[in-house]
């Protein structure tokens, strides 16, 4: 609107259409268009008119409602869906999807969490954090984790899964040697890793025997 008003102002000062176009940064037909619109409709003629095929816009208030109400499911439902929200607000599914995507809203995704019922949890939690932040002299601080029930597979290459038109495949030397459990501990102070591997090794002629190995 400022550019259009400037075009009219400069033309009223006697500048040619080409000079106004150069000054404002548009081409000459644009200057001629808004000059004609001003002559036909005055200041109202400079406003944006109806365009054929132009997508309708929704108000900022409706946009805010679509975003804020996504966290409050409707009565009788656990969550909003794009069709439900679109019907409630009188917009299209695509409009709701774009607004939710732009604001990181994902009502269909749920992430679980677990809260300890240990009455001394907070005190223990503070002790652990303090150990990491301010460990005692000559302390060995380890962060431990485990990965259990990994399959111990012996094969030349992975096979193809079952699909439409073909059966599941496996190489001729495929052998399943039971499962493996890996335990790892990271020394938080120097970055050294201790890991312990415990698995059940299966041989066709011998049977199943347990084997454990520790690496430092």
C-alpha atoms as a PDB file:
ATOM      1  CA  UNK A   1       0.000   0.000   0.000  1.00  0.00           C
ATOM      2  CA  UNK A   2       2.863   2.390   0.767  1.00  0.00           C
ATOM      3  CA  UNK A   3       4.352   1.734  -2.665  1.00  0.00           C
ATOM      4  CA  UNK A   4       1.013   2.381  -4.368  1.00  0.00           C
ATOM      5  CA  UNK A   5       0.482   5.642  -2.471  1.00  0.00           C
ATOM      6  CA  UNK A   6       4.007   6.706  -3.349  1.00  0.00           C
ATOM      7  CA  UNK A   7       3.318   6.069  -7.034  1.00  0.00           C
ATOM      8  CA  UNK A   8       0.264   8.329  -6.911  1.00  0.00           C
ATOM      9  CA  UNK A   9       2.125  11.007  -4.939  1.00  0.00           C
ATOM     10  CA  UNK A  10       5.048  11.127  -7.374  1.00  0.00           C
ATOM     11  CA  UNK A  11       2.712  11.206 -10.394  1.00  0.00           C
ATOM     12  CA  UNK A  12       0.815  14.103  -8.811  1.00  0.00           C
ATOM     13  CA  UNK A  13       4.118  15.997  -8.621  1.00  0.00           C
ATOM     14  CA  UNK A  14       4.472  15.815 -12.410  1.00  0.00           C
ATOM     15  CA  UNK A  15       6.958  12.934 -12.764  1.00  0.00           C
ATOM     16  CA  UNK A  16       6.566  10.721 -15.827  1.00  0.00           C
ATOM     17  CA  UNK A  17       5.436   7.126 -15.482  1.00  0.00           C
ATOM     18  CA  UNK A  18       8.887   5.811 -16.398  1.00  0.00           C
ATOM     19  CA  UNK A  19      10.585   8.096 -13.897  1.00  0.00           C
ATOM     20  CA  UNK A  20       8.194   6.992 -11.159  1.00  0.00           C
ATOM     21  CA  UNK A  21       8.811   3.353 -12.085  1.00  0.00           C
ATOM     22  CA  UNK A  22      12.567   3.846 -11.770  1.00  0.00           C
ATOM     23  CA  UNK A  23      12.173   5.683  -8.452  1.00  0.00           C
ATOM     24  CA  UNK A  24       9.839   3.133  -6.837  1.00  0.00           C
ATOM     25  CA  UNK A  25      11.488   0.025  -8.303  1.00  0.00           C
ATOM     26  CA  UNK A  26       8.698  -1.340 -10.537  1.00  0.00           C
ATOM     27  CA  UNK A  27       8.036  -1.392 -14.262  1.00  0.00           C
ATOM     28  CA  UNK A  28       6.002   1.251 -16.117  1.00  0.00           C
ATOM     29  CA  UNK A  29       2.807  -0.875 -16.617  1.00  0.00           C
ATOM     30  CA  UNK A  30       2.535  -1.190 -12.819  1.00  0.00           C
ATOM     31  CA  UNK A  31       2.598   2.580 -12.468  1.00  0.00           C
ATOM     32  CA  UNK A  32      -0.063   2.903 -15.202  1.00  0.00           C
ATOM     33  CA  UNK A  33      -2.237   0.271 -13.500  1.00  0.00           C
ATOM     34  CA  UNK A  34      -2.332   1.968 -10.087  1.00  0.00           C
ATOM     35  CA  UNK A  35      -2.746   5.392 -11.617  1.00  0.00           C
ATOM     36  CA  UNK A  36      -5.847   4.147 -13.436  1.00  0.00           C
ATOM     37  CA  UNK A  37      -7.149   2.433 -10.305  1.00  0.00           C
ATOM     38  CA  UNK A  38      -6.747   5.706  -8.382  1.00  0.00           C
ATOM     39  CA  UNK A  39      -8.541   7.719 -11.030  1.00  0.00           C
ATOM     40  CA  UNK A  40     -11.450   5.251 -11.131  1.00  0.00           C
ATOM     41  CA  UNK A  41     -11.857   4.604  -7.416  1.00  0.00           C
ATOM     42  CA  UNK A  42      -9.769   7.090  -5.468  1.00  0.00           C
ATOM     43  CA  UNK A  43      -8.017   5.766  -2.354  1.00  0.00           C
ATOM     44  CA  UNK A  44     -10.378   2.774  -2.224  1.00  0.00           C
ATOM     45  CA  UNK A  45      -9.154   1.793  -5.675  1.00  0.00           C
ATOM     46  CA  UNK A  46      -5.675   1.221  -4.319  1.00  0.00           C
ATOM     47  CA  UNK A  47      -6.849  -1.559  -2.002  1.00  0.00           C
ATOM     48  CA  UNK A  48      -6.439  -5.198  -2.937  1.00  0.00           C
ATOM     49  CA  UNK A  49      -9.344  -6.359  -5.061  1.00  0.00           C
ATOM     50  CA  UNK A  50     -10.876  -9.782  -5.511  1.00  0.00           C
ATOM     51  CA  UNK A  51      -8.741 -12.238  -7.465  1.00  0.00           C
ATOM     52  CA  UNK A  52     -10.221 -15.190  -9.294  1.00  0.00           C
ATOM     53  CA  UNK A  53      -8.984 -18.483  -7.870  1.00  0.00           C
ATOM     54  CA  UNK A  54      -7.285 -16.885  -4.904  1.00  0.00           C
ATOM     55  CA  UNK A  55      -7.205 -19.146  -1.856  1.00  0.00           C
ATOM     56  CA  UNK A  56      -9.365 -17.880   0.998  1.00  0.00           C
ATOM     57  CA  UNK A  57      -7.501 -16.865   4.133  1.00  0.00           C
ATOM     58  CA  UNK A  58      -8.481 -17.447   7.737  1.00  0.00           C
ATOM     59  CA  UNK A  59      -8.245 -14.913  10.513  1.00  0.00           C
ATOM     60  CA  UNK A  60      -5.395 -14.836  13.000  1.00  0.00           C
ATOM     61  CA  UNK A  61      -7.924 -15.562  15.750  1.00  0.00           C
ATOM     62  CA  UNK A  62      -8.955 -18.850  14.122  1.00  0.00           C
ATOM     63  CA  UNK A  63      -5.298 -19.785  13.598  1.00  0.00           C
ATOM     64  CA  UNK A  64      -4.604 -19.177  17.282  1.00  0.00           C
ATOM     65  CA  UNK A  65      -7.582 -21.354  18.264  1.00  0.00           C
ATOM     66  CA  UNK A  66      -6.441 -24.215  16.022  1.00  0.00           C
ATOM     67  CA  UNK A  67      -3.014 -24.114  17.681  1.00  0.00           C
ATOM     68  CA  UNK A  68      -4.042 -23.580  21.306  1.00  0.00           C
ATOM     69  CA  UNK A  69      -7.006 -25.971  21.367  1.00  0.00           C
ATOM     70  CA  UNK A  70      -4.923 -28.817  19.936  1.00  0.00           C
ATOM     71  CA  UNK A  71      -3.718 -29.537  23.480  1.00  0.00           C
ATOM     72  CA  UNK A  72      -7.268 -29.770  24.829  1.00  0.00           C
ATOM     73  CA  UNK A  73      -9.082 -32.765  23.267  1.00  0.00           C
ATOM     74  CA  UNK A  74     -12.837 -32.511  22.650  1.00  0.00           C
ATOM     75  CA  UNK A  75     -15.297 -34.096  25.050  1.00  0.00           C
ATOM     76  CA  UNK A  76     -15.457 -37.864  24.649  1.00  0.00           C
ATOM     77  CA  UNK A  77     -12.143 -38.087  22.749  1.00  0.00           C
ATOM     78  CA  UNK A  78      -8.537 -38.567  23.802  1.00  0.00           C
ATOM     79  CA  UNK A  79      -7.060 -36.299  21.148  1.00  0.00           C
ATOM     80  CA  UNK A  80      -7.810 -34.039  18.198  1.00  0.00           C
ATOM     81  CA  UNK A  81      -7.472 -35.219  14.620  1.00  0.00           C
ATOM     82  CA  UNK A  82      -7.086 -32.946  11.607  1.00  0.00           C
ATOM     83  CA  UNK A  83     -10.588 -33.808  10.241  1.00  0.00           C
ATOM     84  CA  UNK A  84     -12.214 -33.082  13.630  1.00  0.00           C
ATOM     85  CA  UNK A  85     -10.380 -29.789  14.065  1.00  0.00           C
ATOM     86  CA  UNK A  86     -11.027 -28.770  10.459  1.00  0.00           C
ATOM     87  CA  UNK A  87     -14.751 -29.454  10.849  1.00  0.00           C
ATOM     88  CA  UNK A  88     -14.907 -27.603  14.175  1.00  0.00           C
ATOM     89  CA  UNK A  89     -13.187 -24.496  12.783  1.00  0.00           C
ATOM     90  CA  UNK A  90     -14.642 -24.552   9.273  1.00  0.00           C
ATOM     91  CA  UNK A  91     -11.313 -24.916   7.474  1.00  0.00           C
ATOM     92  CA  UNK A  92      -9.641 -27.602   5.363  1.00  0.00           C
ATOM     93  CA  UNK A  93      -7.577 -30.527   6.629  1.00  0.00           C
ATOM     94  CA  UNK A  94      -4.538 -29.105   4.829  1.00  0.00           C
ATOM     95  CA  UNK A  95      -4.862 -25.824   6.742  1.00  0.00           C
ATOM     96  CA  UNK A  96      -4.856 -27.634  10.097  1.00  0.00           C
ATOM     97  CA  UNK A  97      -1.942 -29.844   9.043  1.00  0.00           C
ATOM     98  CA  UNK A  98       0.166 -26.854   7.973  1.00  0.00           C
ATOM     99  CA  UNK A  99      -0.488 -24.953  11.204  1.00  0.00           C
ATOM    100  CA  UNK A 100       0.244 -27.971  13.402  1.00  0.00           C
ATOM    101  CA  UNK A 101       3.395 -28.839  11.444  1.00  0.00           C
ATOM    102  CA  UNK A 102       4.691 -25.259  11.609  1.00  0.00           C
ATOM    103  CA  UNK A 103       4.230 -25.251  15.406  1.00  0.00           C
ATOM    104  CA  UNK A 104       5.471 -28.789  16.103  1.00  0.00           C
ATOM    105  CA  UNK A 105       2.063 -30.074  17.259  1.00  0.00           C
ATOM    106  CA  UNK A 106       1.649 -33.870  16.946  1.00  0.00           C
ATOM    107  CA  UNK A 107      -1.492 -35.071  18.755  1.00  0.00           C
ATOM    108  CA  UNK A 108      -1.166 -38.594  17.297  1.00  0.00           C
ATOM    109  CA  UNK A 109       2.237 -39.215  18.943  1.00  0.00           C
ATOM    110  CA  UNK A 110       2.505 -40.276  22.577  1.00  0.00           C
ATOM    111  CA  UNK A 111       5.714 -40.630  24.566  1.00  0.00           C
ATOM    112  CA  UNK A 112       5.676 -42.691  27.748  1.00  0.00           C
ATOM    113  CA  UNK A 113       7.611 -41.924  30.924  1.00  0.00           C
ATOM    114  CA  UNK A 114       8.058 -43.531  34.305  1.00  0.00           C
ATOM    115  CA  UNK A 115       8.104 -41.949  37.752  1.00  0.00           C
ATOM    116  CA  UNK A 116       9.859 -43.677  40.641  1.00  0.00           C
ATOM    117  CA  UNK A 117       7.735 -44.505  43.691  1.00  0.00           C
ATOM    118  CA  UNK A 118      10.827 -44.589  45.916  1.00  0.00           C
ATOM    119  CA  UNK A 119      10.237 -42.177  48.811  1.00  0.00           C
ATOM    120  CA  UNK A 120      13.976 -41.450  48.922  1.00  0.00           C
ATOM    121  CA  UNK A 121      14.245 -40.890  45.187  1.00  0.00           C
ATOM    122  CA  UNK A 122      14.904 -37.155  45.389  1.00  0.00           C
ATOM    123  CA  UNK A 123      17.725 -37.571  47.900  1.00  0.00           C
ATOM    124  CA  UNK A 124      19.320 -40.337  45.837  1.00  0.00           C
ATOM    125  CA  UNK A 125      18.878 -38.258  42.691  1.00  0.00           C
ATOM    126  CA  UNK A 126      20.716 -35.321  44.285  1.00  0.00           C
ATOM    127  CA  UNK A 127      23.529 -37.627  45.430  1.00  0.00           C
ATOM    128  CA  UNK A 128      24.050 -38.951  41.906  1.00  0.00           C
ATOM    129  CA  UNK A 129      24.050 -35.493  40.324  1.00  0.00           C
ATOM    130  CA  UNK A 130      26.464 -34.229  42.966  1.00  0.00           C
ATOM    131  CA  UNK A 131      28.748 -37.183  42.226  1.00  0.00           C
ATOM    132  CA  UNK A 132      28.946 -36.179  38.568  1.00  0.00           C
ATOM    133  CA  UNK A 133      29.332 -32.449  39.240  1.00  0.00           C
ATOM    134  CA  UNK A 134      31.758 -32.689  42.155  1.00  0.00           C
ATOM    135  CA  UNK A 135      33.302 -36.175  42.408  1.00  0.00           C
ATOM    136  CA  UNK A 136      35.611 -37.030  45.366  1.00  0.00           C
ATOM    137  CA  UNK A 137      39.359 -37.165  44.853  1.00  0.00           C
ATOM    138  CA  UNK A 138      40.595 -40.338  43.112  1.00  0.00           C
ATOM    139  CA  UNK A 139      37.013 -41.415  42.505  1.00  0.00           C
ATOM    140  CA  UNK A 140      35.928 -43.875  39.813  1.00  0.00           C
ATOM    141  CA  UNK A 141      32.589 -42.631  38.467  1.00  0.00           C
ATOM    142  CA  UNK A 142      30.914 -45.030  36.042  1.00  0.00           C
ATOM    143  CA  UNK A 143      27.786 -44.571  33.923  1.00  0.00           C
ATOM    144  CA  UNK A 144      26.432 -48.062  33.152  1.00  0.00           C
ATOM    145  CA  UNK A 145      23.892 -49.395  30.665  1.00  0.00           C
ATOM    146  CA  UNK A 146      22.940 -52.662  29.027  1.00  0.00           C
ATOM    147  CA  UNK A 147      21.686 -53.926  25.679  1.00  0.00           C
ATOM    148  CA  UNK A 148      20.008 -57.276  26.171  1.00  0.00           C
ATOM    149  CA  UNK A 149      18.860 -60.071  23.873  1.00  0.00           C
ATOM    150  CA  UNK A 150      20.827 -59.088  20.770  1.00  0.00           C
ATOM    151  CA  UNK A 151      20.690 -61.929  18.258  1.00  0.00           C
ATOM    152  CA  UNK A 152      24.073 -63.577  17.593  1.00  0.00           C
ATOM    153  CA  UNK A 153      23.701 -64.284  13.876  1.00  0.00           C
ATOM    154  CA  UNK A 154      26.358 -65.793  11.636  1.00  0.00           C
ATOM    155  CA  UNK A 155      25.702 -65.053   7.956  1.00  0.00           C
ATOM    156  CA  UNK A 156      27.440 -63.841   4.826  1.00  0.00           C
ATOM    157  CA  UNK A 157      24.924 -61.034   4.356  1.00  0.00           C
ATOM    158  CA  UNK A 158      21.427 -60.121   5.638  1.00  0.00           C
ATOM    159  CA  UNK A 159      18.537 -61.912   3.978  1.00  0.00           C
ATOM    160  CA  UNK A 160      15.494 -60.358   2.342  1.00  0.00           C
ATOM    161  CA  UNK A 161      12.255 -60.111   4.362  1.00  0.00           C
ATOM    162  CA  UNK A 162       8.995 -61.744   3.362  1.00  0.00           C
ATOM    163  CA  UNK A 163       7.149 -59.724   0.723  1.00  0.00           C
ATOM    164  CA  UNK A 164       4.441 -59.882  -1.912  1.00  0.00           C
ATOM    165  CA  UNK A 165       5.531 -62.284  -4.643  1.00  0.00           C
ATOM    166  CA  UNK A 166       8.620 -63.660  -2.883  1.00  0.00           C
ATOM    167  CA  UNK A 167       9.451 -65.663   0.240  1.00  0.00           C
ATOM    168  CA  UNK A 168      11.887 -64.807   3.034  1.00  0.00           C
ATOM    169  CA  UNK A 169      15.506 -65.563   2.112  1.00  0.00           C
ATOM    170  CA  UNK A 170      18.666 -66.438   4.076  1.00  0.00           C
ATOM    171  CA  UNK A 171      22.213 -67.294   3.043  1.00  0.00           C
ATOM    172  CA  UNK A 172      23.305 -70.947   3.000  1.00  0.00           C
ATOM    173  CA  UNK A 173      25.662 -70.402   5.966  1.00  0.00           C
ATOM    174  CA  UNK A 174      23.043 -68.748   8.209  1.00  0.00           C
ATOM    175  CA  UNK A 175      23.373 -69.862  11.854  1.00  0.00           C
ATOM    176  CA  UNK A 176      21.670 -68.317  14.884  1.00  0.00           C
ATOM    177  CA  UNK A 177      23.969 -68.556  17.906  1.00  0.00           C
ATOM    178  CA  UNK A 178      21.386 -67.604  20.510  1.00  0.00           C
ATOM    179  CA  UNK A 179      21.379 -64.138  22.047  1.00  0.00           C
ATOM    180  CA  UNK A 180      24.002 -61.754  23.433  1.00  0.00           C
ATOM    181  CA  UNK A 181      23.770 -59.288  26.305  1.00  0.00           C
ATOM    182  CA  UNK A 182      26.252 -56.415  26.286  1.00  0.00           C
ATOM    183  CA  UNK A 183      27.053 -54.437  29.448  1.00  0.00           C
ATOM    184  CA  UNK A 184      29.010 -51.191  29.150  1.00  0.00           C
ATOM    185  CA  UNK A 185      30.380 -48.766  31.731  1.00  0.00           C
ATOM    186  CA  UNK A 186      31.864 -45.359  30.930  1.00  0.00           C
ATOM    187  CA  UNK A 187      34.370 -43.785  33.299  1.00  0.00           C
ATOM    188  CA  UNK A 188      32.935 -40.284  33.395  1.00  0.00           C
ATOM    189  CA  UNK A 189      36.242 -38.676  34.435  1.00  0.00           C
ATOM    190  CA  UNK A 190      38.654 -40.033  31.812  1.00  0.00           C
ATOM    191  CA  UNK A 191      36.323 -41.440  29.126  1.00  0.00           C
ATOM    192  CA  UNK A 192      37.535 -45.041  29.510  1.00  0.00           C
ATOM    193  CA  UNK A 193      34.970 -47.721  28.627  1.00  0.00           C
ATOM    194  CA  UNK A 194      34.602 -51.112  30.329  1.00  0.00           C
ATOM    195  CA  UNK A 195      32.373 -53.616  28.567  1.00  0.00           C
ATOM    196  CA  UNK A 196      31.228 -57.096  29.440  1.00  0.00           C
ATOM    197  CA  UNK A 197      29.742 -59.518  26.905  1.00  0.00           C
ATOM    198  CA  UNK A 198      27.615 -62.429  28.070  1.00  0.00           C
ATOM    199  CA  UNK A 199      25.903 -64.748  25.585  1.00  0.00           C
ATOM    200  CA  UNK A 200      24.596 -68.258  25.017  1.00  0.00           C
ATOM    201  CA  UNK A 201      26.625 -69.879  22.208  1.00  0.00           C
ATOM    202  CA  UNK A 202      24.697 -72.532  20.306  1.00  0.00           C
ATOM    203  CA  UNK A 203      26.479 -75.306  18.351  1.00  0.00           C
ATOM    204  CA  UNK A 204      24.492 -77.967  16.546  1.00  0.00           C
ATOM    205  CA  UNK A 205      26.742 -80.846  17.662  1.00  0.00           C
ATOM    206  CA  UNK A 206      27.528 -79.701  21.199  1.00  0.00           C
ATOM    207  CA  UNK A 207      24.289 -78.036  22.385  1.00  0.00           C
ATOM    208  CA  UNK A 208      24.054 -74.781  24.295  1.00  0.00           C
ATOM    209  CA  UNK A 209      26.805 -73.685  26.634  1.00  0.00           C
ATOM    210  CA  UNK A 210      27.177 -70.338  28.365  1.00  0.00           C
ATOM    211  CA  UNK A 211      30.196 -68.229  27.561  1.00  0.00           C
ATOM    212  CA  UNK A 212      31.233 -64.941  29.144  1.00  0.00           C
ATOM    213  CA  UNK A 213      34.028 -62.573  28.158  1.00  0.00           C
ATOM    214  CA  UNK A 214      35.329 -59.362  29.751  1.00  0.00           C
ATOM    215  CA  UNK A 215      37.426 -56.760  27.922  1.00  0.00           C
ATOM    216  CA  UNK A 216      39.396 -53.866  29.398  1.00  0.00           C
END
